[in-house]
Amino acid sequence: MARAKKAAAKKTAARKTAAKKSAAAKAPALPKSVTNAEAKVKLQQKAVDQAQKKVTQAQTKLDKHRAKIDTENGKLSKLRADVTAKRSKASSKPTAAAKRAVDTARGRVNTVRLKLQDLRGESKLIRAEIQAAKKVVTREVKKLRTAERNLKTKLREHERKLAKKAKAEQKKAEQKAKAAARKAAAKAKRAAKKKTTTTRKKKATAKKKTATRKAPARKKAATKRKPAAKKAAARKTPAKKAARKKRPAAKKKSS
């Protein structure tokens, strides 16, 4: 159980770290002004769509009314033909039944005519409704265009700010890189200087060692040379003495 709990805890920790990384990798959030402008554009688009819908609804209503008017016009033309037929019949046979038939036909024509008048009045109202709806559409479209322009300006401002920020960050990074390069160069210079000083010291110590080695050898050589010189001097002194003794005798012979 304990192992299972530990494994579960590790998994949750891994998920959290992955989520944090993904959140960090996401693009920076848009400012409130831009999001508000986007929301306004969306709302305005909805208003335009609704206005357009009203126009289409009114147009379909008008089309239906036109179809009704056409049917009523057909009925009226038929009733008028019927009235003319019944009139001709009543004129040929002027009976009370024929007259009543003409009156009833006239009454039907009048009712259809009144119905047509009502339908035409309604169609006028529908046309006015369409015109009003179209005006609303144009007004809402204008509002939508202004909202879109506002959104574009807000986005441009946001992009300008981002570019400015990126430029500042780049400048900062360049300055940091320059500072790091200078630091590295100074460090390298110090290391090179240290190296040269150590090599010089090593050379000096080596020279000293060689000098200390040569000094006893020279001393020995000097001690060896001195007795030889003394012996040579001792040899030369009796020879000189003998030469001196010989020189006066030579003078006597010449005299």
Protein backbone atom coordinates (compact mmCIF):
# COMPACT_ATOMS: atom_id res chain seq x y z
CA MET A 1 0.00 0.00 0.00
CA ALA A 2 2.81 2.37 0.95
CA ARG A 3 4.59 1.68 -2.36
CA ALA A 4 1.38 2.31 -4.31
CA LYS A 5 0.86 5.62 -2.49
CA LYS A 6 4.45 6.67 -3.22
CA ALA A 7 4.03 5.79 -6.91
CA ALA A 8 0.76 7.76 -7.07
CA ALA A 9 2.41 10.76 -5.39
CA LYS A 10 5.28 10.62 -7.92
CA LYS A 11 2.81 10.51 -10.82
CA THR A 12 0.85 13.49 -9.51
CA ALA A 13 4.10 15.44 -9.02
CA ALA A 14 5.16 14.63 -12.59
CA ARG A 15 1.76 15.77 -13.91
CA LYS A 16 1.98 19.03 -11.98
CA THR A 17 5.45 19.76 -13.32
CA ALA A 18 4.29 18.99 -16.87
CA ALA A 19 1.27 21.27 -16.42
CA LYS A 20 3.50 24.05 -15.10
CA LYS A 21 5.84 23.68 -18.08
CA SER A 22 2.93 23.80 -20.54
CA ALA A 23 1.55 26.89 -18.79
CA ALA A 24 4.96 28.54 -19.04
CA ALA A 25 5.23 27.61 -22.72
CA LYS A 26 1.84 29.22 -23.50
CA ALA A 27 1.72 32.65 -25.13
CA PRO A 28 1.35 35.65 -22.83
CA ALA A 29 -2.27 36.52 -22.02
CA LEU A 30 -3.91 39.38 -23.92
CA PRO A 31 -4.64 42.58 -21.98
CA LYS A 32 -8.15 43.39 -20.77
CA SER A 33 -8.64 46.17 -23.34
CA VAL A 34 -8.07 43.71 -26.22
CA THR A 35 -10.32 41.02 -24.71
CA ASN A 36 -13.07 43.61 -24.11
CA ALA A 37 -12.76 44.82 -27.72
CA GLU A 38 -12.98 41.21 -28.94
CA ALA A 39 -16.11 40.64 -26.80
CA LYS A 40 -17.69 43.82 -28.24
CA VAL A 41 -16.97 42.65 -31.79
CA LYS A 42 -18.59 39.28 -31.04
CA LEU A 43 -21.67 40.91 -29.49
CA GLN A 44 -21.97 43.32 -32.41
CA GLN A 45 -21.68 40.44 -34.86
CA LYS A 46 -24.55 38.73 -33.02
CA ALA A 47 -26.61 41.93 -33.27
CA VAL A 48 -25.92 42.14 -37.02
CA ASP A 49 -26.90 38.48 -37.45
CA GLN A 50 -30.15 39.05 -35.52
CA ALA A 51 -31.00 42.12 -37.60
CA GLN A 52 -30.26 40.19 -40.79
CA LYS A 53 -32.46 37.37 -39.50
CA LYS A 54 -35.33 39.84 -38.97
CA VAL A 55 -34.91 41.08 -42.54
CA THR A 56 -35.03 37.55 -43.93
CA GLN A 57 -38.07 36.73 -41.76
CA ALA A 58 -39.88 39.83 -42.98
CA GLN A 59 -38.95 38.98 -46.56
CA THR A 60 -40.40 35.46 -46.23
CA LYS A 61 -43.54 36.95 -44.67
CA LEU A 62 -43.88 39.32 -47.63
CA ASP A 63 -43.38 36.46 -50.06
CA LYS A 64 -46.19 34.53 -48.31
CA HIS A 65 -48.45 37.61 -48.44
CA ARG A 66 -47.68 38.03 -52.14
CA ALA A 67 -48.67 34.39 -52.72
CA LYS A 68 -51.93 35.04 -50.80
CA ILE A 69 -52.60 38.20 -52.85
CA ASP A 70 -52.02 36.25 -56.05
CA THR A 71 -54.50 33.55 -54.97
CA GLU A 72 -57.06 36.18 -53.92
CA ASN A 73 -56.55 38.00 -57.23
CA GLY A 74 -57.27 34.71 -59.01
CA LYS A 75 -60.44 34.23 -56.93
CA LEU A 76 -61.51 37.82 -57.64
CA SER A 77 -61.04 37.43 -61.38
CA LYS A 78 -63.14 34.23 -61.29
CA LEU A 79 -65.87 35.89 -59.19
CA ARG A 80 -65.94 38.89 -61.55
CA ALA A 81 -66.34 36.50 -64.48
CA ASP A 82 -69.12 34.78 -62.54
CA VAL A 83 -70.82 38.15 -61.85
CA THR A 84 -70.69 39.10 -65.54
CA ALA A 85 -72.15 35.71 -66.51
CA LYS A 86 -74.93 36.02 -63.95
CA ARG A 87 -75.67 39.59 -65.05
CA SER A 88 -75.98 38.48 -68.66
CA LYS A 89 -78.26 35.65 -67.49
CA ALA A 90 -80.33 38.06 -65.38
CA SER A 91 -80.59 40.50 -68.29
CA SER A 92 -81.78 37.69 -70.62
CA LYS A 93 -84.12 36.24 -67.94
CA PRO A 94 -84.86 38.98 -65.38
CA THR A 95 -86.13 36.74 -62.63
CA ALA A 96 -85.86 37.30 -58.86
CA ALA A 97 -83.58 34.23 -58.51
CA ALA A 98 -81.26 35.55 -61.22
CA LYS A 99 -81.11 38.97 -59.49
CA ARG A 100 -80.38 37.32 -56.14
CA ALA A 101 -77.60 35.25 -57.78
CA VAL A 102 -76.08 38.49 -59.15
CA ASP A 103 -76.27 40.13 -55.70
CA THR A 104 -74.63 37.14 -54.00
CA ALA A 105 -71.86 37.09 -56.65
CA ARG A 106 -71.32 40.82 -56.10
CA GLY A 107 -71.17 40.25 -52.33
CA ARG A 108 -68.49 37.57 -52.84
CA VAL A 109 -66.52 39.92 -55.10
CA ASN A 110 -66.74 42.66 -52.49
CA THR A 111 -65.56 40.34 -49.70
CA VAL A 112 -62.60 39.15 -51.80
CA ARG A 113 -61.86 42.77 -52.76
CA LEU A 114 -61.85 43.79 -49.07
CA LYS A 115 -59.64 40.80 -48.23
CA LEU A 116 -57.24 41.88 -50.99
CA GLN A 117 -57.19 45.42 -49.61
CA ASP A 118 -56.33 44.06 -46.16
CA LEU A 119 -53.60 41.84 -47.62
CA ARG A 120 -52.17 44.77 -49.61
CA GLY A 121 -52.22 46.92 -46.47
CA GLU A 122 -50.41 44.16 -44.57
CA SER A 123 -47.89 43.82 -47.40
CA LYS A 124 -47.20 47.58 -47.16
CA LEU A 125 -46.61 47.17 -43.43
CA ILE A 126 -44.30 44.21 -44.09
CA ARG A 127 -42.37 46.30 -46.66
CA ALA A 128 -42.00 49.07 -44.09
CA GLU A 129 -40.84 46.45 -41.56
CA ILE A 130 -38.25 45.20 -44.08
CA GLN A 131 -37.00 48.74 -44.67
CA ALA A 132 -36.73 49.34 -40.91
CA ALA A 133 -34.93 46.02 -40.45
CA LYS A 134 -32.51 46.90 -43.26
CA LYS A 135 -31.81 50.25 -41.61
CA VAL A 136 -31.13 48.41 -38.36
CA VAL A 137 -28.77 46.08 -40.26
CA THR A 138 -26.85 49.03 -41.75
CA ARG A 139 -26.64 50.68 -38.32
CA GLU A 140 -25.45 47.49 -36.65
CA VAL A 141 -22.95 46.88 -39.46
CA LYS A 142 -21.54 50.39 -38.90
CA LYS A 143 -21.21 49.61 -35.19
CA LEU A 144 -19.52 46.32 -36.07
CA ARG A 145 -17.02 48.12 -38.34
CA THR A 146 -16.20 50.62 -35.57
CA ALA A 147 -15.80 47.77 -33.06
CA GLU A 148 -13.49 45.95 -35.50
CA ARG A 149 -11.43 49.11 -36.04
CA ASN A 150 -11.18 49.58 -32.29
CA LEU A 151 -10.05 45.96 -31.90
CA LYS A 152 -7.42 46.44 -34.63
CA THR A 153 -6.06 49.56 -32.93
CA LYS A 154 -5.98 47.80 -29.57
CA LEU A 155 -4.16 44.82 -31.12
CA ARG A 156 -1.66 47.15 -32.81
CA GLU A 157 -1.01 48.90 -29.49
CA HIS A 158 -0.56 45.53 -27.78
CA GLU A 159 1.82 44.34 -30.53
CA ARG A 160 3.77 47.61 -30.27
CA LYS A 161 4.09 47.15 -26.52
CA LEU A 162 5.19 43.54 -26.99
CA ALA A 163 7.76 44.58 -29.59
CA LYS A 164 9.05 47.31 -27.27
CA LYS A 165 9.28 44.82 -24.41
CA ALA A 166 11.05 42.27 -26.63
CA LYS A 167 13.50 44.96 -27.80
CA ALA A 168 14.21 45.97 -24.20
CA GLU A 169 14.72 42.32 -23.22
CA GLN A 170 17.01 41.79 -26.21
CA LYS A 171 19.02 44.88 -25.26
CA LYS A 172 19.24 43.61 -21.68
CA ALA A 173 20.36 40.19 -22.92
CA GLU A 174 22.98 41.79 -25.20
CA GLN A 175 24.28 43.89 -22.31
CA LYS A 176 24.42 40.78 -20.13
CA ALA A 177 26.26 38.90 -22.87
CA LYS A 178 28.72 41.78 -23.29
CA ALA A 179 29.29 41.94 -19.55
CA ALA A 180 29.81 38.16 -19.45
CA ALA A 181 32.21 38.38 -22.39
CA ARG A 182 34.17 41.17 -20.67
CA LYS A 183 34.24 39.14 -17.48
CA ALA A 184 35.43 36.06 -19.37
CA ALA A 185 38.10 38.10 -21.19
CA ALA A 186 39.31 39.59 -17.91
CA LYS A 187 39.37 36.13 -16.35
CA ALA A 188 41.33 34.75 -19.33
CA LYS A 189 43.73 37.70 -19.08
CA ARG A 190 44.25 37.09 -15.39
CA ALA A 191 44.79 33.39 -16.02
CA ALA A 192 47.30 34.15 -18.79
CA LYS A 193 49.10 36.63 -16.55
CA LYS A 194 49.17 34.11 -13.74
CA LYS A 195 50.50 31.50 -16.13
CA THR A 196 53.28 33.82 -17.33
CA THR A 197 54.21 34.73 -13.76
CA THR A 198 54.29 31.06 -12.76
CA THR A 199 56.45 30.21 -15.81
CA ARG A 200 58.80 33.09 -14.96
CA LYS A 201 58.99 31.94 -11.37
CA LYS A 202 59.65 28.40 -12.52
CA LYS A 203 62.42 29.65 -14.84
CA ALA A 204 63.91 31.75 -12.05
CA THR A 205 63.85 28.83 -9.64
CA ALA A 206 65.38 26.58 -12.35
CA LYS A 207 68.15 29.17 -12.93
CA LYS A 208 68.80 29.40 -9.22
CA LYS A 209 69.02 25.64 -8.98
CA THR A 210 71.44 25.48 -11.93
CA ALA A 211 73.46 28.32 -10.39
CA THR A 212 73.62 26.54 -7.05
CA ARG A 213 74.68 23.34 -8.84
CA LYS A 214 77.44 25.12 -10.87
CA ALA A 215 78.85 27.08 -7.89
CA PRO A 216 80.37 24.08 -6.03
CA ALA A 217 81.68 22.73 -9.34
CA ARG A 218 83.41 26.05 -10.01
CA LYS A 219 84.79 26.12 -6.49
CA LYS A 220 86.19 22.66 -6.96
CA ALA A 221 87.68 23.66 -10.28
CA ALA A 222 89.19 26.75 -8.68
CA THR A 223 90.67 24.68 -5.82
CA LYS A 224 92.09 22.24 -8.37
CA ARG A 225 93.58 25.03 -10.49
CA LYS A 226 95.26 26.88 -7.56
CA PRO A 227 97.77 24.13 -6.56
CA ALA A 228 98.69 23.65 -10.22
CA ALA A 229 99.41 27.36 -10.49
CA LYS A 230 101.47 27.22 -7.30
CA LYS A 231 103.46 24.28 -8.67
CA ALA A 232 104.04 26.15 -11.93
CA ALA A 233 105.17 29.22 -9.98
CA ALA A 234 107.50 27.06 -7.85
CA ARG A 235 108.92 25.54 -11.02
CA LYS A 236 109.40 28.92 -12.64
CA THR A 237 111.23 30.54 -9.67
CA PRO A 238 114.36 28.26 -9.73
CA ALA A 239 114.49 28.56 -13.51
CA LYS A 240 114.38 32.34 -13.18
CA LYS A 241 117.09 32.25 -10.55
CA ALA A 242 119.35 30.13 -12.79
CA ALA A 243 118.78 32.52 -15.69
CA ARG A 244 119.70 35.43 -13.51
CA LYS A 245 122.91 33.72 -12.47
CA LYS A 246 123.84 33.03 -16.06
CA ARG A 247 123.22 36.56 -17.30
CA PRO A 248 126.21 38.30 -15.53
CA ALA A 249 128.67 35.65 -16.80
CA ALA A 250 127.61 36.38 -20.33
CA LYS A 251 128.30 40.04 -19.74
CA LYS A 252 131.83 39.24 -18.52
CA LYS A 253 132.63 37.34 -21.73
CA SER A 254 131.62 40.27 -23.83
CA SER A 255 133.91 42.61 -21.92
